[in-house]
Amino acid sequence: MYPGHPWEGEDYGRVEHEWYLARKYELAVMFKVNLRPFLKFCKDFGHRSQELTMKIAARLSTLHLPQFMLGLNGKIYAARYPAGYVRPVREGTDMLEHIAIREEPTKFAERDIRAGWQPFVKWMAQKHPRLSVFMAKRFFGYRETKNNYALMVSRNALRGLGPGTIYMGSHFRTMCLGIPFGEQALCSFVAPHALGNMNFFEPFLVKFKTFMEDPEQISPDLLDKPYAGI
């Protein structure tokens, strides 16, 4: 159980935590969000909607979500970045690269996670994938989670299906926020149940929904802080 866990100090907190970890339980929430005000706000004031979404996600994750993730070995490790997203490594491919983002004193900055891997770790992953997964499970769980993020944001997936598409998913190790394409959307939030019960995540979800539907409430310092993409 990580320090500051919402079940810390409860009589059955530790056993519930271990129980949910062992069974790999997840919780999932779907909630309506009117994205029209946010999209109009971005257009009117010259903000890139993807960048502003990630700035909001990084700030709210830092404030309201546990900054931890689960390794292949089932243990919990600290996440270096509060949020991130995935994108194709090149046009026309189904392979994805993981981009992390965090807030620094003067900017929000992106980082390509795998680009920062040590040469030996890259070699193992490419040449001996099964052995690298075995080693991550048994001996080097911290390396598998190194430089990763606590919250994955998936935005505008399956855009070709048009507005009204609903999707959700998770890779169990982090929390995931899904934002479908369209002005009115059913967004999704999925998280490992061992990180907390449903209501524990309500402050994050309420503020995210509020910023989408009433973007005037987004703090000026967040809006003005530069975004350094890669």
C-alpha atoms as a PDB file:
ATOM      1  CA  MET A   1       0.000   0.000   0.000  1.00  0.00           C
ATOM      2  CA  TYR A   2       1.489   3.338  -1.011  1.00  0.00           C
ATOM      3  CA  PRO A   3       1.928   6.170   1.525  1.00  0.00           C
ATOM      4  CA  GLY A   4      -1.205   8.297   1.789  1.00  0.00           C
ATOM      5  CA  HIS A   5      -3.524   5.612   0.392  1.00  0.00           C
ATOM      6  CA  PRO A   6      -7.171   6.415   1.247  1.00  0.00           C
ATOM      7  CA  TRP A   7      -7.493   3.075   3.091  1.00  0.00           C
ATOM      8  CA  GLU A   8      -4.382   3.638   5.196  1.00  0.00           C
ATOM      9  CA  GLY A   9      -5.069   3.095   8.904  1.00  0.00           C
ATOM     10  CA  GLU A  10      -8.365   1.267   8.348  1.00  0.00           C
ATOM     11  CA  ASP A  11      -8.801  -2.119  10.059  1.00  0.00           C
ATOM     12  CA  TYR A  12      -9.245  -3.970   6.762  1.00  0.00           C
ATOM     13  CA  GLY A  13      -7.508  -1.477   4.522  1.00  0.00           C
ATOM     14  CA  ARG A  14      -4.378  -3.492   3.839  1.00  0.00           C
ATOM     15  CA  VAL A  15      -6.161  -6.764   3.208  1.00  0.00           C
ATOM     16  CA  GLU A  16      -8.646  -5.110   0.818  1.00  0.00           C
ATOM     17  CA  HIS A  17      -5.733  -3.508  -1.003  1.00  0.00           C
ATOM     18  CA  GLU A  18      -3.962  -6.856  -1.386  1.00  0.00           C
ATOM     19  CA  TRP A  19      -7.204  -8.585  -2.320  1.00  0.00           C
ATOM     20  CA  TYR A  20      -7.943  -6.181  -5.161  1.00  0.00           C
ATOM     21  CA  LEU A  21      -4.349  -6.357  -6.365  1.00  0.00           C
ATOM     22  CA  ALA A  22      -4.407 -10.150  -6.446  1.00  0.00           C
ATOM     23  CA  ARG A  23      -7.718 -10.300  -8.305  1.00  0.00           C
ATOM     24  CA  LYS A  24      -6.792  -7.413 -10.608  1.00  0.00           C
ATOM     25  CA  TYR A  25     -10.110  -5.674  -9.968  1.00  0.00           C
ATOM     26  CA  GLU A  26     -10.814  -2.466 -11.841  1.00  0.00           C
ATOM     27  CA  LEU A  27     -13.428   0.236 -11.484  1.00  0.00           C
ATOM     28  CA  ALA A  28     -14.948   2.048 -14.441  1.00  0.00           C
ATOM     29  CA  VAL A  29     -17.035   5.216 -14.653  1.00  0.00           C
ATOM     30  CA  MET A  30     -18.843   6.674 -17.648  1.00  0.00           C
ATOM     31  CA  PHE A  31     -20.069  10.262 -17.388  1.00  0.00           C
ATOM     32  CA  LYS A  32     -21.637  12.800 -19.738  1.00  0.00           C
ATOM     33  CA  VAL A  33     -19.574  15.823 -20.685  1.00  0.00           C
ATOM     34  CA  ASN A  34     -20.577  18.744 -22.876  1.00  0.00           C
ATOM     35  CA  LEU A  35     -17.334  19.462 -24.724  1.00  0.00           C
ATOM     36  CA  ARG A  36     -18.774  22.262 -26.877  1.00  0.00           C
ATOM     37  CA  PRO A  37     -17.809  25.146 -24.503  1.00  0.00           C
ATOM     38  CA  PHE A  38     -14.243  23.847 -24.213  1.00  0.00           C
ATOM     39  CA  LEU A  39     -13.801  23.446 -27.973  1.00  0.00           C
ATOM     40  CA  LYS A  40     -15.262  26.913 -28.593  1.00  0.00           C
ATOM     41  CA  PHE A  41     -13.017  28.390 -25.903  1.00  0.00           C
ATOM     42  CA  CYS A  42      -9.939  26.868 -27.559  1.00  0.00           C
ATOM     43  CA  LYS A  43     -10.971  28.206 -30.960  1.00  0.00           C
ATOM     44  CA  ASP A  44     -11.815  31.687 -29.686  1.00  0.00           C
ATOM     45  CA  PHE A  45      -8.623  32.162 -27.657  1.00  0.00           C
ATOM     46  CA  GLY A  46      -6.130  30.283 -29.817  1.00  0.00           C
ATOM     47  CA  HIS A  47      -5.481  27.279 -27.578  1.00  0.00           C
ATOM     48  CA  ARG A  48      -4.695  23.885 -29.098  1.00  0.00           C
ATOM     49  CA  SER A  49      -7.328  21.592 -27.619  1.00  0.00           C
ATOM     50  CA  GLN A  50      -4.995  18.590 -27.280  1.00  0.00           C
ATOM     51  CA  GLU A  51      -2.350  20.604 -25.464  1.00  0.00           C
ATOM     52  CA  LEU A  52      -4.820  22.315 -23.142  1.00  0.00           C
ATOM     53  CA  THR A  53      -6.473  18.974 -22.380  1.00  0.00           C
ATOM     54  CA  MET A  54      -3.109  17.517 -21.382  1.00  0.00           C
ATOM     55  CA  LYS A  55      -2.246  20.563 -19.273  1.00  0.00           C
ATOM     56  CA  ILE A  56      -5.545  20.160 -17.420  1.00  0.00           C
ATOM     57  CA  ALA A  57      -5.016  16.412 -17.031  1.00  0.00           C
ATOM     58  CA  ALA A  58      -1.493  16.860 -15.676  1.00  0.00           C
ATOM     59  CA  ARG A  59      -2.536  19.564 -13.197  1.00  0.00           C
ATOM     60  CA  LEU A  60      -5.622  17.706 -11.938  1.00  0.00           C
ATOM     61  CA  SER A  61      -3.782  14.395 -11.743  1.00  0.00           C
ATOM     62  CA  THR A  62      -1.104  15.993  -9.586  1.00  0.00           C
ATOM     63  CA  LEU A  63      -3.727  17.514  -7.299  1.00  0.00           C
ATOM     64  CA  HIS A  64      -6.238  14.677  -7.003  1.00  0.00           C
ATOM     65  CA  LEU A  65      -4.911  11.312  -8.183  1.00  0.00           C
ATOM     66  CA  PRO A  66      -2.437   8.903  -6.595  1.00  0.00           C
ATOM     67  CA  GLN A  67       0.903   9.311  -8.346  1.00  0.00           C
ATOM     68  CA  PHE A  68       1.561   5.598  -8.499  1.00  0.00           C
ATOM     69  CA  MET A  69       1.232   2.772 -11.014  1.00  0.00           C
ATOM     70  CA  LEU A  70       1.318  -1.026 -10.978  1.00  0.00           C
ATOM     71  CA  GLY A  71       4.250  -3.012 -12.304  1.00  0.00           C
ATOM     72  CA  LEU A  72       4.155  -6.370 -14.067  1.00  0.00           C
ATOM     73  CA  ASN A  73       5.124  -7.961 -10.773  1.00  0.00           C
ATOM     74  CA  GLY A  74       1.963  -6.678  -9.100  1.00  0.00           C
ATOM     75  CA  LYS A  75       3.793  -4.160  -6.924  1.00  0.00           C
ATOM     76  CA  ILE A  76       3.109  -0.427  -6.759  1.00  0.00           C
ATOM     77  CA  TYR A  77       5.726   2.076  -7.893  1.00  0.00           C
ATOM     78  CA  ALA A  78       5.838   5.859  -7.871  1.00  0.00           C
ATOM     79  CA  ALA A  79       5.011   7.442 -11.241  1.00  0.00           C
ATOM     80  CA  ARG A  80       7.424  10.124 -12.404  1.00  0.00           C
ATOM     81  CA  TYR A  81       4.846  11.931 -14.545  1.00  0.00           C
ATOM     82  CA  PRO A  82       1.233  12.777 -13.617  1.00  0.00           C
ATOM     83  CA  ALA A  83      -0.241  12.224 -17.105  1.00  0.00           C
ATOM     84  CA  GLY A  84       0.506  11.042 -20.608  1.00  0.00           C
ATOM     85  CA  TYR A  85      -0.965   9.801 -23.858  1.00  0.00           C
ATOM     86  CA  VAL A  86      -0.162   7.452 -26.735  1.00  0.00           C
ATOM     87  CA  ARG A  87       0.195   8.152 -30.446  1.00  0.00           C
ATOM     88  CA  PRO A  88       1.272   6.136 -33.500  1.00  0.00           C
ATOM     89  CA  VAL A  89       5.028   5.885 -33.921  1.00  0.00           C
ATOM     90  CA  ARG A  90       4.482   6.866 -37.572  1.00  0.00           C
ATOM     91  CA  GLU A  91       1.551   7.377 -39.916  1.00  0.00           C
ATOM     92  CA  GLY A  92      -0.218   4.204 -40.956  1.00  0.00           C
ATOM     93  CA  THR A  93       1.128   2.003 -38.166  1.00  0.00           C
ATOM     94  CA  ASP A  94      -0.731   0.400 -35.272  1.00  0.00           C
ATOM     95  CA  MET A  95       2.275   0.574 -32.931  1.00  0.00           C
ATOM     96  CA  LEU A  96       2.088   3.291 -30.309  1.00  0.00           C
ATOM     97  CA  GLU A  97       4.637   5.397 -28.469  1.00  0.00           C
ATOM     98  CA  HIS A  98       4.057   6.645 -24.949  1.00  0.00           C
ATOM     99  CA  ILE A  99       4.368  10.387 -24.328  1.00  0.00           C
ATOM    100  CA  ALA A 100       4.514  11.627 -20.733  1.00  0.00           C
ATOM    101  CA  ILE A 101       3.847  15.176 -19.574  1.00  0.00           C
ATOM    102  CA  ARG A 102       4.498  17.044 -16.361  1.00  0.00           C
ATOM    103  CA  GLU A 103       4.314  20.590 -15.116  1.00  0.00           C
ATOM    104  CA  GLU A 104       7.621  22.344 -14.554  1.00  0.00           C
ATOM    105  CA  PRO A 105       8.121  25.802 -13.002  1.00  0.00           C
ATOM    106  CA  THR A 106       8.070  27.580 -16.381  1.00  0.00           C
ATOM    107  CA  LYS A 107       6.250  25.175 -18.717  1.00  0.00           C
ATOM    108  CA  PHE A 108       4.471  21.910 -19.327  1.00  0.00           C
ATOM    109  CA  ALA A 109       6.904  19.499 -20.990  1.00  0.00           C
ATOM    110  CA  GLU A 110       6.493  16.248 -22.922  1.00  0.00           C
ATOM    111  CA  ARG A 111       8.868  13.281 -22.873  1.00  0.00           C
ATOM    112  CA  ASP A 112       9.071  10.178 -25.065  1.00  0.00           C
ATOM    113  CA  ILE A 113       9.317   7.458 -22.427  1.00  0.00           C
ATOM    114  CA  ARG A 114      11.002   4.736 -24.477  1.00  0.00           C
ATOM    115  CA  ALA A 115      13.482   7.185 -25.977  1.00  0.00           C
ATOM    116  CA  GLY A 116      14.900   7.558 -22.483  1.00  0.00           C
ATOM    117  CA  TRP A 117      15.469   3.839 -21.955  1.00  0.00           C
ATOM    118  CA  GLN A 118      19.039   2.706 -21.431  1.00  0.00           C
ATOM    119  CA  PRO A 119      20.638   0.932 -24.449  1.00  0.00           C
ATOM    120  CA  PHE A 120      20.637  -2.458 -22.698  1.00  0.00           C
ATOM    121  CA  VAL A 121      16.945  -2.157 -21.795  1.00  0.00           C
ATOM    122  CA  LYS A 122      16.081  -1.286 -25.420  1.00  0.00           C
ATOM    123  CA  TRP A 123      18.157  -4.211 -26.674  1.00  0.00           C
ATOM    124  CA  MET A 124      16.441  -6.645 -24.311  1.00  0.00           C
ATOM    125  CA  ALA A 125      12.961  -5.421 -25.275  1.00  0.00           C
ATOM    126  CA  GLN A 126      13.669  -5.672 -29.000  1.00  0.00           C
ATOM    127  CA  LYS A 127      15.769  -8.858 -29.134  1.00  0.00           C
ATOM    128  CA  HIS A 128      14.443 -10.877 -26.210  1.00  0.00           C
ATOM    129  CA  PRO A 129      10.873  -9.678 -25.499  1.00  0.00           C
ATOM    130  CA  ARG A 130       9.731 -12.735 -23.525  1.00  0.00           C
ATOM    131  CA  LEU A 131      12.852 -12.737 -21.381  1.00  0.00           C
ATOM    132  CA  SER A 132      12.539  -9.001 -20.758  1.00  0.00           C
ATOM    133  CA  VAL A 133       8.943  -9.456 -19.550  1.00  0.00           C
ATOM    134  CA  PHE A 134       9.999 -12.381 -17.344  1.00  0.00           C
ATOM    135  CA  MET A 135      12.796 -10.301 -15.836  1.00  0.00           C
ATOM    136  CA  ALA A 136      10.419  -7.385 -15.235  1.00  0.00           C
ATOM    137  CA  LYS A 137       7.988  -9.691 -13.434  1.00  0.00           C
ATOM    138  CA  ARG A 138      10.589 -11.424 -11.300  1.00  0.00           C
ATOM    139  CA  PHE A 139      13.471  -9.063 -10.678  1.00  0.00           C
ATOM    140  CA  PHE A 140      13.299  -5.587 -12.247  1.00  0.00           C
ATOM    141  CA  GLY A 141       9.754  -4.290 -11.851  1.00  0.00           C
ATOM    142  CA  TYR A 142      11.009  -0.777 -11.145  1.00  0.00           C
ATOM    143  CA  ARG A 143      12.732  -0.633 -14.561  1.00  0.00           C
ATOM    144  CA  GLU A 144       9.511  -1.582 -16.357  1.00  0.00           C
ATOM    145  CA  THR A 145       7.698   1.312 -14.690  1.00  0.00           C
ATOM    146  CA  LYS A 146      10.561   3.832 -14.765  1.00  0.00           C
ATOM    147  CA  ASN A 147       9.710   7.276 -16.174  1.00  0.00           C
ATOM    148  CA  ASN A 148       6.063   6.356 -16.682  1.00  0.00           C
ATOM    149  CA  TYR A 149       2.855   8.263 -15.921  1.00  0.00           C
ATOM    150  CA  ALA A 150      -0.039   7.828 -13.503  1.00  0.00           C
ATOM    151  CA  LEU A 151      -2.908   8.810 -15.852  1.00  0.00           C
ATOM    152  CA  MET A 152      -3.296   7.927 -19.520  1.00  0.00           C
ATOM    153  CA  VAL A 153      -5.493  10.273 -21.569  1.00  0.00           C
ATOM    154  CA  SER A 154      -7.079   8.866 -24.723  1.00  0.00           C
ATOM    155  CA  ARG A 155      -8.708  11.565 -26.836  1.00  0.00           C
ATOM    156  CA  ASN A 156     -10.622  11.370 -30.159  1.00  0.00           C
ATOM    157  CA  ALA A 157     -10.050   7.650 -30.711  1.00  0.00           C
ATOM    158  CA  LEU A 158     -12.113   6.108 -33.561  1.00  0.00           C
ATOM    159  CA  ARG A 159     -12.769   9.576 -34.896  1.00  0.00           C
ATOM    160  CA  GLY A 160     -13.826   8.143 -38.249  1.00  0.00           C
ATOM    161  CA  LEU A 161     -16.987   6.731 -36.667  1.00  0.00           C
ATOM    162  CA  GLY A 162     -18.155  10.268 -35.975  1.00  0.00           C
ATOM    163  CA  PRO A 163     -19.766  11.776 -32.869  1.00  0.00           C
ATOM    164  CA  GLY A 164     -21.556   9.489 -30.444  1.00  0.00           C
ATOM    165  CA  THR A 165     -18.885   6.798 -30.310  1.00  0.00           C
ATOM    166  CA  ILE A 166     -18.353   5.302 -26.865  1.00  0.00           C
ATOM    167  CA  TYR A 167     -15.161   3.511 -25.895  1.00  0.00           C
ATOM    168  CA  MET A 168     -13.297   2.527 -22.775  1.00  0.00           C
ATOM    169  CA  GLY A 169     -10.290   0.421 -21.911  1.00  0.00           C
ATOM    170  CA  SER A 170      -7.408  -0.038 -19.552  1.00  0.00           C
ATOM    171  CA  HIS A 171      -4.048  -1.728 -19.261  1.00  0.00           C
ATOM    172  CA  PHE A 172      -4.620  -2.125 -15.498  1.00  0.00           C
ATOM    173  CA  ARG A 173      -1.331  -0.529 -14.461  1.00  0.00           C
ATOM    174  CA  THR A 174      -2.502   3.108 -14.616  1.00  0.00           C
ATOM    175  CA  MET A 175      -5.667   5.155 -14.534  1.00  0.00           C
ATOM    176  CA  CYS A 176      -7.170   5.927 -17.958  1.00  0.00           C
ATOM    177  CA  LEU A 177      -9.356   8.838 -19.055  1.00  0.00           C
ATOM    178  CA  GLY A 178     -11.195   8.398 -22.363  1.00  0.00           C
ATOM    179  CA  ILE A 179     -12.530  11.468 -24.204  1.00  0.00           C
ATOM    180  CA  PRO A 180     -14.428  10.502 -27.396  1.00  0.00           C
ATOM    181  CA  PHE A 181     -14.696  12.698 -30.471  1.00  0.00           C
ATOM    182  CA  GLY A 182     -17.665  15.048 -30.604  1.00  0.00           C
ATOM    183  CA  GLU A 183     -19.238  17.991 -28.818  1.00  0.00           C
ATOM    184  CA  GLN A 184     -21.361  15.839 -26.524  1.00  0.00           C
ATOM    185  CA  ALA A 185     -19.538  12.784 -25.207  1.00  0.00           C
ATOM    186  CA  LEU A 186     -19.727   9.933 -22.754  1.00  0.00           C
ATOM    187  CA  CYS A 187     -16.271  10.065 -21.245  1.00  0.00           C
ATOM    188  CA  SER A 188     -14.819   7.131 -19.366  1.00  0.00           C
ATOM    189  CA  PHE A 189     -12.486   6.741 -16.415  1.00  0.00           C
ATOM    190  CA  VAL A 190     -10.941   3.379 -15.557  1.00  0.00           C
ATOM    191  CA  ALA A 191      -8.591   2.682 -12.655  1.00  0.00           C
ATOM    192  CA  PRO A 192      -7.129  -0.244 -10.716  1.00  0.00           C
ATOM    193  CA  HIS A 193      -9.537  -0.747  -7.827  1.00  0.00           C
ATOM    194  CA  ALA A 194      -6.588  -1.192  -5.459  1.00  0.00           C
ATOM    195  CA  LEU A 195      -5.825   2.534  -5.782  1.00  0.00           C
ATOM    196  CA  GLY A 196      -9.125   3.569  -4.180  1.00  0.00           C
ATOM    197  CA  ASN A 197     -12.904   3.197  -4.198  1.00  0.00           C
ATOM    198  CA  MET A 198     -15.227   4.973  -6.639  1.00  0.00           C
ATOM    199  CA  ASN A 199     -15.896   8.159  -4.675  1.00  0.00           C
ATOM    200  CA  PHE A 200     -12.185   8.710  -4.052  1.00  0.00           C
ATOM    201  CA  PHE A 201     -11.846   9.787  -7.707  1.00  0.00           C
ATOM    202  CA  GLU A 202     -14.866  12.113  -7.717  1.00  0.00           C
ATOM    203  CA  PRO A 203     -12.920  15.388  -7.109  1.00  0.00           C
ATOM    204  CA  PHE A 204     -10.759  14.728 -10.170  1.00  0.00           C
ATOM    205  CA  LEU A 205     -13.737  13.849 -12.375  1.00  0.00           C
ATOM    206  CA  VAL A 206     -15.856  16.784 -11.171  1.00  0.00           C
ATOM    207  CA  LYS A 207     -13.097  19.312 -11.873  1.00  0.00           C
ATOM    208  CA  PHE A 208     -12.337  17.814 -15.283  1.00  0.00           C
ATOM    209  CA  LYS A 209     -16.025  17.986 -16.229  1.00  0.00           C
ATOM    210  CA  THR A 210     -16.258  21.548 -14.892  1.00  0.00           C
ATOM    211  CA  PHE A 211     -13.272  22.747 -16.938  1.00  0.00           C
ATOM    212  CA  MET A 212     -14.714  21.187 -20.104  1.00  0.00           C
ATOM    213  CA  GLU A 213     -18.186  22.671 -19.622  1.00  0.00           C
ATOM    214  CA  ASP A 214     -17.122  26.002 -18.107  1.00  0.00           C
ATOM    215  CA  PRO A 215     -13.566  26.707 -19.332  1.00  0.00           C
ATOM    216  CA  GLU A 216     -13.680  30.222 -17.866  1.00  0.00           C
ATOM    217  CA  GLN A 217     -12.912  28.506 -14.547  1.00  0.00           C
ATOM    218  CA  ILE A 218      -9.527  27.253 -15.779  1.00  0.00           C
ATOM    219  CA  SER A 219      -6.877  29.181 -13.878  1.00  0.00           C
ATOM    220  CA  PRO A 220      -5.005  31.847 -15.907  1.00  0.00           C
ATOM    221  CA  ASP A 221      -1.597  30.521 -14.851  1.00  0.00           C
ATOM    222  CA  LEU A 222      -2.411  27.154 -16.449  1.00  0.00           C
ATOM    223  CA  LEU A 223      -3.669  28.798 -19.634  1.00  0.00           C
ATOM    224  CA  ASP A 224      -0.620  31.066 -19.930  1.00  0.00           C
ATOM    225  CA  LYS A 225       2.074  28.517 -19.121  1.00  0.00           C
ATOM    226  CA  PRO A 226       3.814  27.344 -22.334  1.00  0.00           C
ATOM    227  CA  TYR A 227       3.515  23.775 -23.581  1.00  0.00           C
ATOM    228  CA  ALA A 228       6.714  22.179 -24.912  1.00  0.00           C
ATOM    229  CA  GLY A 229       5.712  19.294 -27.161  1.00  0.00           C
ATOM    230  CA  ILE A 230       7.958  16.787 -28.930  1.00  0.00           C
END
